[in-house]
Amino acid sequence: MKATVHVALKTGVLDPQGKAVADTLARMGYKEVAGARIGKVIELDLEDGLSPADAEARVKEMCEKLLANTVIESYRIDLGA
């Protein structure tokens, strides 16, 4: 089973990397870009045999302990085959 974790900064948290990307795109002529936020995607290959509920619980635990800084970041878990 695959688990994909999408991590992004929470609303209101400054994103200097996203600002730099948005500013650079504007300078390159992409004036339609009003802003950018930078996040990360983590793909995990999980061992077979876990139920979807157990897999989600384990990945949530991983996010809370290591994969996301929950003070400033939010995360979303997608489970696949």
PDB file of N, CA and C in Angstrom:
ATOM      1  N   MET A   1       0.849  -1.163   0.000  1.00  0.00           N
ATOM      2  CA  MET A   1       0.000   0.000   0.000  1.00  0.00           C
ATOM      3  C   MET A   1       0.900   1.233   0.000  1.00  0.00           C
ATOM      4  N   LYS A   2       0.461   2.244  -0.712  1.00  0.00           N
ATOM      5  CA  LYS A   2       1.183   3.511  -0.736  1.00  0.00           C
ATOM      6  C   LYS A   2       0.427   4.538   0.077  1.00  0.00           C
ATOM      7  N   ALA A   3       1.177   5.369   0.760  1.00  0.00           N
ATOM      8  CA  ALA A   3       0.602   6.511   1.458  1.00  0.00           C
ATOM      9  C   ALA A   3       1.333   7.748   0.953  1.00  0.00           C
ATOM     10  N   THR A   4       0.557   8.747   0.595  1.00  0.00           N
ATOM     11  CA  THR A   4       1.126  10.016   0.168  1.00  0.00           C
ATOM     12  C   THR A   4       0.723  11.064   1.196  1.00  0.00           C
ATOM     13  N   VAL A   5       1.727  11.748   1.721  1.00  0.00           N
ATOM     14  CA  VAL A   5       1.496  12.779   2.729  1.00  0.00           C
ATOM     15  C   VAL A   5       1.804  14.129   2.093  1.00  0.00           C
ATOM     16  N   HIS A   6       0.828  15.019   2.105  1.00  0.00           N
ATOM     17  CA  HIS A   6       0.990  16.375   1.588  1.00  0.00           C
ATOM     18  C   HIS A   6       1.127  17.304   2.798  1.00  0.00           C
ATOM     19  N   VAL A   7       2.262  17.993   2.890  1.00  0.00           N
ATOM     20  CA  VAL A   7       2.528  18.879   4.019  1.00  0.00           C
ATOM     21  C   VAL A   7       2.614  20.313   3.492  1.00  0.00           C
ATOM     22  N   ALA A   8       1.925  21.224   4.154  1.00  0.00           N
ATOM     23  CA  ALA A   8       1.941  22.626   3.745  1.00  0.00           C
ATOM     24  C   ALA A   8       1.946  23.512   4.983  1.00  0.00           C
ATOM     25  N   LEU A   9       2.477  24.706   4.813  1.00  0.00           N
ATOM     26  CA  LEU A   9       2.438  25.667   5.905  1.00  0.00           C
ATOM     27  C   LEU A   9       0.992  26.071   6.190  1.00  0.00           C
ATOM     28  N   LYS A  10       0.684  26.260   7.442  1.00  0.00           N
ATOM     29  CA  LYS A  10      -0.657  26.698   7.819  1.00  0.00           C
ATOM     30  C   LYS A  10      -0.892  28.121   7.321  1.00  0.00           C
ATOM     31  N   THR A  11      -2.161  28.451   7.113  1.00  0.00           N
ATOM     32  CA  THR A  11      -2.536  29.800   6.724  1.00  0.00           C
ATOM     33  C   THR A  11      -2.021  30.788   7.767  1.00  0.00           C
ATOM     34  N   GLY A  12      -1.446  31.868   7.295  1.00  0.00           N
ATOM     35  CA  GLY A  12      -0.937  32.887   8.205  1.00  0.00           C
ATOM     36  C   GLY A  12       0.532  32.741   8.529  1.00  0.00           C
ATOM     37  N   VAL A  13       1.124  31.584   8.237  1.00  0.00           N
ATOM     38  CA  VAL A  13       2.556  31.395   8.485  1.00  0.00           C
ATOM     39  C   VAL A  13       3.314  31.936   7.275  1.00  0.00           C
ATOM     40  N   LEU A  14       4.290  32.799   7.526  1.00  0.00           N
ATOM     41  CA  LEU A  14       5.066  33.376   6.436  1.00  0.00           C
ATOM     42  C   LEU A  14       5.806  32.289   5.669  1.00  0.00           C
ATOM     43  N   ASP A  15       5.844  32.454   4.344  1.00  0.00           N
ATOM     44  CA  ASP A  15       6.496  31.481   3.462  1.00  0.00           C
ATOM     45  C   ASP A  15       7.499  32.220   2.577  1.00  0.00           C
ATOM     46  N   PRO A  16       8.711  32.483   3.080  1.00  0.00           N
ATOM     47  CA  PRO A  16       9.679  33.236   2.287  1.00  0.00           C
ATOM     48  C   PRO A  16      10.051  32.536   0.982  1.00  0.00           C
ATOM     49  N   GLN A  17      10.099  31.219   0.982  1.00  0.00           N
ATOM     50  CA  GLN A  17      10.423  30.485  -0.245  1.00  0.00           C
ATOM     51  C   GLN A  17       9.304  30.674  -1.276  1.00  0.00           C
ATOM     52  N   GLY A  18       8.057  30.593  -0.832  1.00  0.00           N
ATOM     53  CA  GLY A  18       6.934  30.819  -1.734  1.00  0.00           C
ATOM     54  C   GLY A  18       6.925  32.233  -2.277  1.00  0.00           C
ATOM     55  N   LYS A  19       7.242  33.213  -1.429  1.00  0.00           N
ATOM     56  CA  LYS A  19       7.299  34.609  -1.877  1.00  0.00           C
ATOM     57  C   LYS A  19       8.377  34.784  -2.924  1.00  0.00           C
ATOM     58  N   ALA A  20       9.535  34.172  -2.719  1.00  0.00           N
ATOM     59  CA  ALA A  20      10.626  34.268  -3.689  1.00  0.00           C
ATOM     60  C   ALA A  20      10.209  33.674  -5.032  1.00  0.00           C
ATOM     61  N   VAL A  21       9.519  32.542  -5.000  1.00  0.00           N
ATOM     62  CA  VAL A  21       9.058  31.914  -6.243  1.00  0.00           C
ATOM     63  C   VAL A  21       8.052  32.813  -6.950  1.00  0.00           C
ATOM     64  N   ALA A  22       7.077  33.345  -6.206  1.00  0.00           N
ATOM     65  CA  ALA A  22       6.063  34.213  -6.804  1.00  0.00           C
ATOM     66  C   ALA A  22       6.702  35.467  -7.397  1.00  0.00           C
ATOM     67  N   ASP A  23       7.634  36.077  -6.670  1.00  0.00           N
ATOM     68  CA  ASP A  23       8.304  37.280  -7.161  1.00  0.00           C
ATOM     69  C   ASP A  23       9.105  36.987  -8.431  1.00  0.00           C
ATOM     70  N   THR A  24       9.802  35.867  -8.445  1.00  0.00           N
ATOM     71  CA  THR A  24      10.597  35.501  -9.619  1.00  0.00           C
ATOM     72  C   THR A  24       9.714  35.228 -10.819  1.00  0.00           C
ATOM     73  N   LEU A  25       8.605  34.518 -10.601  1.00  0.00           N
ATOM     74  CA  LEU A  25       7.679  34.264 -11.711  1.00  0.00           C
ATOM     75  C   LEU A  25       7.127  35.577 -12.272  1.00  0.00           C
ATOM     76  N   ALA A  26       6.816  36.518 -11.406  1.00  0.00           N
ATOM     77  CA  ALA A  26       6.322  37.826 -11.862  1.00  0.00           C
ATOM     78  C   ALA A  26       7.381  38.536 -12.697  1.00  0.00           C
ATOM     79  N   ARG A  27       8.635  38.492 -12.256  1.00  0.00           N
ATOM     80  CA  ARG A  27       9.722  39.114 -13.014  1.00  0.00           C
ATOM     81  C   ARG A  27       9.949  38.422 -14.356  1.00  0.00           C
ATOM     82  N   MET A  28       9.597  37.146 -14.428  1.00  0.00           N
ATOM     83  CA  MET A  28       9.741  36.394 -15.681  1.00  0.00           C
ATOM     84  C   MET A  28       8.574  36.652 -16.637  1.00  0.00           C
ATOM     85  N   GLY A  29       7.606  37.445 -16.193  1.00  0.00           N
ATOM     86  CA  GLY A  29       6.495  37.778 -17.071  1.00  0.00           C
ATOM     87  C   GLY A  29       5.198  37.060 -16.742  1.00  0.00           C
ATOM     88  N   TYR A  30       5.175  36.236 -15.724  1.00  0.00           N
ATOM     89  CA  TYR A  30       3.961  35.514 -15.336  1.00  0.00           C
ATOM     90  C   TYR A  30       3.189  36.360 -14.327  1.00  0.00           C
ATOM     91  N   LYS A  31       2.621  37.445 -14.808  1.00  0.00           N
ATOM     92  CA  LYS A  31       1.951  38.423 -13.945  1.00  0.00           C
ATOM     93  C   LYS A  31       0.672  37.865 -13.322  1.00  0.00           C
ATOM     94  N   GLU A  32       0.154  36.770 -13.869  1.00  0.00           N
ATOM     95  CA  GLU A  32      -1.076  36.191 -13.320  1.00  0.00           C
ATOM     96  C   GLU A  32      -0.855  35.481 -11.985  1.00  0.00           C
ATOM     97  N   VAL A  33       0.399  35.253 -11.602  1.00  0.00           N
ATOM     98  CA  VAL A  33       0.685  34.593 -10.330  1.00  0.00           C
ATOM     99  C   VAL A  33       0.619  35.639  -9.219  1.00  0.00           C
ATOM    100  N   ALA A  34      -0.388  35.505  -8.369  1.00  0.00           N
ATOM    101  CA  ALA A  34      -0.582  36.455  -7.272  1.00  0.00           C
ATOM    102  C   ALA A  34       0.172  36.028  -6.009  1.00  0.00           C
ATOM    103  N   GLY A  35       0.532  34.766  -5.910  1.00  0.00           N
ATOM    104  CA  GLY A  35       1.247  34.269  -4.743  1.00  0.00           C
ATOM    105  C   GLY A  35       1.575  32.807  -4.930  1.00  0.00           C
ATOM    106  N   ALA A  36       2.462  32.309  -4.103  1.00  0.00           N
ATOM    107  CA  ALA A  36       2.839  30.891  -4.151  1.00  0.00           C
ATOM    108  C   ALA A  36       3.117  30.421  -2.729  1.00  0.00           C
ATOM    109  N   ARG A  37       2.806  29.191  -2.458  1.00  0.00           N
ATOM    110  CA  ARG A  37       3.115  28.547  -1.180  1.00  0.00           C
ATOM    111  C   ARG A  37       3.896  27.278  -1.516  1.00  0.00           C
ATOM    112  N   ILE A  38       4.954  27.030  -0.797  1.00  0.00           N
ATOM    113  CA  ILE A  38       5.787  25.863  -1.019  1.00  0.00           C
ATOM    114  C   ILE A  38       5.482  24.829   0.057  1.00  0.00           C
ATOM    115  N   GLY A  39       5.307  23.584  -0.358  1.00  0.00           N
ATOM    116  CA  GLY A  39       5.066  22.492   0.575  1.00  0.00           C
ATOM    117  C   GLY A  39       5.946  21.313   0.207  1.00  0.00           C
ATOM    118  N   LYS A  40       5.588  20.163   0.719  1.00  0.00           N
ATOM    119  CA  LYS A  40       6.339  18.956   0.379  1.00  0.00           C
ATOM    120  C   LYS A  40       5.379  17.788   0.263  1.00  0.00           C
ATOM    121  N   VAL A  41       5.785  16.812  -0.537  1.00  0.00           N
ATOM    122  CA  VAL A  41       5.026  15.577  -0.714  1.00  0.00           C
ATOM    123  C   VAL A  41       5.943  14.438  -0.316  1.00  0.00           C
ATOM    124  N   ILE A  42       5.455  13.573   0.547  1.00  0.00           N
ATOM    125  CA  ILE A  42       6.219  12.421   1.016  1.00  0.00           C
ATOM    126  C   ILE A  42       5.463  11.169   0.614  1.00  0.00           C
ATOM    127  N   GLU A  43       6.112  10.281  -0.130  1.00  0.00           N
ATOM    128  CA  GLU A  43       5.496   9.023  -0.538  1.00  0.00           C
ATOM    129  C   GLU A  43       6.087   7.892   0.296  1.00  0.00           C
ATOM    130  N   LEU A  44       5.213   7.129   0.914  1.00  0.00           N
ATOM    131  CA  LEU A  44       5.631   6.011   1.761  1.00  0.00           C
ATOM    132  C   LEU A  44       5.117   4.709   1.172  1.00  0.00           C
ATOM    133  N   ASP A  45       5.963   3.712   1.082  1.00  0.00           N
ATOM    134  CA  ASP A  45       5.553   2.363   0.710  1.00  0.00           C
ATOM    135  C   ASP A  45       5.360   1.588   2.003  1.00  0.00           C
ATOM    136  N   LEU A  46       4.124   1.177   2.255  1.00  0.00           N
ATOM    137  CA  LEU A  46       3.804   0.459   3.485  1.00  0.00           C
ATOM    138  C   LEU A  46       3.737  -1.031   3.224  1.00  0.00           C
ATOM    139  N   GLU A  47       4.088  -1.800   4.218  1.00  0.00           N
ATOM    140  CA  GLU A  47       4.025  -3.264   4.121  1.00  0.00           C
ATOM    141  C   GLU A  47       2.590  -3.713   3.883  1.00  0.00           C
ATOM    142  N   ASP A  48       2.431  -4.787   3.134  1.00  0.00           N
ATOM    143  CA  ASP A  48       1.103  -5.367   2.917  1.00  0.00           C
ATOM    144  C   ASP A  48       0.573  -5.928   4.237  1.00  0.00           C
ATOM    145  N   GLY A  49      -0.730  -6.006   4.349  1.00  0.00           N
ATOM    146  CA  GLY A  49      -1.336  -6.601   5.523  1.00  0.00           C
ATOM    147  C   GLY A  49      -1.980  -5.602   6.462  1.00  0.00           C
ATOM    148  N   LEU A  50      -1.662  -4.326   6.307  1.00  0.00           N
ATOM    149  CA  LEU A  50      -2.304  -3.306   7.138  1.00  0.00           C
ATOM    150  C   LEU A  50      -3.677  -2.974   6.566  1.00  0.00           C
ATOM    151  N   SER A  51      -4.641  -2.864   7.435  1.00  0.00           N
ATOM    152  CA  SER A  51      -5.951  -2.398   6.983  1.00  0.00           C
ATOM    153  C   SER A  51      -5.827  -0.906   6.664  1.00  0.00           C
ATOM    154  N   PRO A  52      -6.698  -0.377   5.823  1.00  0.00           N
ATOM    155  CA  PRO A  52      -6.637   1.064   5.540  1.00  0.00           C
ATOM    156  C   PRO A  52      -6.734   1.911   6.813  1.00  0.00           C
ATOM    157  N   ALA A  53      -7.568   1.520   7.753  1.00  0.00           N
ATOM    158  CA  ALA A  53      -7.706   2.280   9.002  1.00  0.00           C
ATOM    159  C   ALA A  53      -6.410   2.243   9.807  1.00  0.00           C
ATOM    160  N   ASP A  54      -5.783   1.061   9.893  1.00  0.00           N
ATOM    161  CA  ASP A  54      -4.520   0.949  10.621  1.00  0.00           C
ATOM    162  C   ASP A  54      -3.410   1.721   9.919  1.00  0.00           C
ATOM    163  N   ALA A  55      -3.385   1.637   8.589  1.00  0.00           N
ATOM    164  CA  ALA A  55      -2.368   2.360   7.818  1.00  0.00           C
ATOM    165  C   ALA A  55      -2.503   3.859   8.051  1.00  0.00           C
ATOM    166  N   GLU A  56      -3.726   4.361   7.990  1.00  0.00           N
ATOM    167  CA  GLU A  56      -3.936   5.795   8.193  1.00  0.00           C
ATOM    168  C   GLU A  56      -3.526   6.212   9.609  1.00  0.00           C
ATOM    169  N   ALA A  57      -3.845   5.393  10.582  1.00  0.00           N
ATOM    170  CA  ALA A  57      -3.475   5.706  11.964  1.00  0.00           C
ATOM    171  C   ALA A  57      -1.955   5.736  12.128  1.00  0.00           C
ATOM    172  N   ARG A  58      -1.262   4.787  11.523  1.00  0.00           N
ATOM    173  CA  ARG A  58       0.200   4.732  11.643  1.00  0.00           C
ATOM    174  C   ARG A  58       0.856   5.915  10.939  1.00  0.00           C
ATOM    175  N   VAL A  59       0.350   6.248   9.746  1.00  0.00           N
ATOM    176  CA  VAL A  59       0.926   7.376   9.016  1.00  0.00           C
ATOM    177  C   VAL A  59       0.634   8.683   9.752  1.00  0.00           C
ATOM    178  N   LYS A  60      -0.546   8.811  10.329  1.00  0.00           N
ATOM    179  CA  LYS A  60      -0.860  10.000  11.118  1.00  0.00           C
ATOM    180  C   LYS A  60       0.132  10.123  12.275  1.00  0.00           C
ATOM    181  N   GLU A  61       0.427   9.015  12.927  1.00  0.00           N
ATOM    182  CA  GLU A  61       1.401   9.021  14.020  1.00  0.00           C
ATOM    183  C   GLU A  61       2.768   9.477  13.518  1.00  0.00           C
ATOM    184  N   MET A  62       3.173   8.999  12.328  1.00  0.00           N
ATOM    185  CA  MET A  62       4.450   9.402  11.731  1.00  0.00           C
ATOM    186  C   MET A  62       4.476  10.907  11.467  1.00  0.00           C
ATOM    187  N   CYS A  63       3.354  11.418  10.977  1.00  0.00           N
ATOM    188  CA  CYS A  63       3.260  12.855  10.695  1.00  0.00           C
ATOM    189  C   CYS A  63       3.394  13.663  11.971  1.00  0.00           C
ATOM    190  N   GLU A  64       2.692  13.241  12.993  1.00  0.00           N
ATOM    191  CA  GLU A  64       2.706  13.978  14.263  1.00  0.00           C
ATOM    192  C   GLU A  64       4.082  13.949  14.926  1.00  0.00           C
ATOM    193  N   LYS A  65       4.826  12.851  14.731  1.00  0.00           N
ATOM    194  CA  LYS A  65       6.119  12.700  15.400  1.00  0.00           C
ATOM    195  C   LYS A  65       7.305  13.197  14.584  1.00  0.00           C
ATOM    196  N   LEU A  66       7.211  13.144  13.233  1.00  0.00           N
ATOM    197  CA  LEU A  66       8.393  13.437  12.432  1.00  0.00           C
ATOM    198  C   LEU A  66       8.122  14.200  11.136  1.00  0.00           C
ATOM    199  N   LEU A  67       7.136  13.792  10.378  1.00  0.00           N
ATOM    200  CA  LEU A  67       7.010  14.275   9.002  1.00  0.00           C
ATOM    201  C   LEU A  67       6.503  15.711   8.889  1.00  0.00           C
ATOM    202  N   ALA A  68       5.758  16.179   9.856  1.00  0.00           N
ATOM    203  CA  ALA A  68       5.220  17.547   9.808  1.00  0.00           C
ATOM    204  C   ALA A  68       5.478  18.245  11.135  1.00  0.00           C
ATOM    205  N   ASN A  69       5.785  19.509  11.055  1.00  0.00           N
ATOM    206  CA  ASN A  69       5.886  20.343  12.261  1.00  0.00           C
ATOM    207  C   ASN A  69       4.488  20.909  12.475  1.00  0.00           C
ATOM    208  N   THR A  70       3.712  20.256  13.299  1.00  0.00           N
ATOM    209  CA  THR A  70       2.289  20.582  13.419  1.00  0.00           C
ATOM    210  C   THR A  70       2.021  21.944  14.054  1.00  0.00           C
ATOM    211  N   VAL A  71       3.045  22.607  14.560  1.00  0.00           N
ATOM    212  CA  VAL A  71       2.869  23.964  15.068  1.00  0.00           C
ATOM    213  C   VAL A  71       2.628  24.918  13.894  1.00  0.00           C
ATOM    214  N   ILE A  72       3.360  24.717  12.792  1.00  0.00           N
ATOM    215  CA  ILE A  72       3.264  25.636  11.656  1.00  0.00           C
ATOM    216  C   ILE A  72       2.799  24.971  10.362  1.00  0.00           C
ATOM    217  N   GLU A  73       2.682  23.636  10.360  1.00  0.00           N
ATOM    218  CA  GLU A  73       2.307  22.923   9.136  1.00  0.00           C
ATOM    219  C   GLU A  73       1.050  22.085   9.351  1.00  0.00           C
ATOM    220  N   SER A  74       0.302  21.933   8.263  1.00  0.00           N
ATOM    221  CA  SER A  74      -0.815  20.997   8.250  1.00  0.00           C
ATOM    222  C   SER A  74      -0.452  19.877   7.271  1.00  0.00           C
ATOM    223  N   TYR A  75      -1.154  18.774   7.364  1.00  0.00           N
ATOM    224  CA  TYR A  75      -0.873  17.665   6.464  1.00  0.00           C
ATOM    225  C   TYR A  75      -2.169  16.952   6.077  1.00  0.00           C
ATOM    226  N   ARG A  76      -2.085  16.274   4.933  1.00  0.00           N
ATOM    227  CA  ARG A  76      -3.188  15.459   4.434  1.00  0.00           C
ATOM    228  C   ARG A  76      -2.616  14.128   3.989  1.00  0.00           C
ATOM    229  N   ILE A  77      -3.309  13.047   4.307  1.00  0.00           N
ATOM    230  CA  ILE A  77      -2.862  11.698   3.985  1.00  0.00           C
ATOM    231  C   ILE A  77      -3.766  11.123   2.910  1.00  0.00           C
ATOM    232  N   ASP A  78      -3.169  10.619   1.834  1.00  0.00           N
ATOM    233  CA  ASP A  78      -3.904   9.884   0.803  1.00  0.00           C
ATOM    234  C   ASP A  78      -3.369   8.465   0.758  1.00  0.00           C
ATOM    235  N   LEU A  79      -4.255   7.489   0.900  1.00  0.00           N
ATOM    236  CA  LEU A  79      -3.858   6.081   0.821  1.00  0.00           C
ATOM    237  C   LEU A  79      -4.211   5.540  -0.559  1.00  0.00           C
ATOM    238  N   GLY A  80      -3.313   4.761  -1.138  1.00  0.00           N
ATOM    239  CA  GLY A  80      -3.542   4.152  -2.442  1.00  0.00           C
ATOM    240  C   GLY A  80      -3.190   2.686  -2.414  1.00  0.00           C
ATOM    241  N   ALA A  81      -3.359   2.060  -3.547  1.00  0.00           N
ATOM    242  CA  ALA A  81      -3.093   0.605  -3.651  1.00  0.00           C
ATOM    243  C   ALA A  81      -1.630   0.298  -3.631  1.00  0.00           C
TER     244      ALA A  81
END
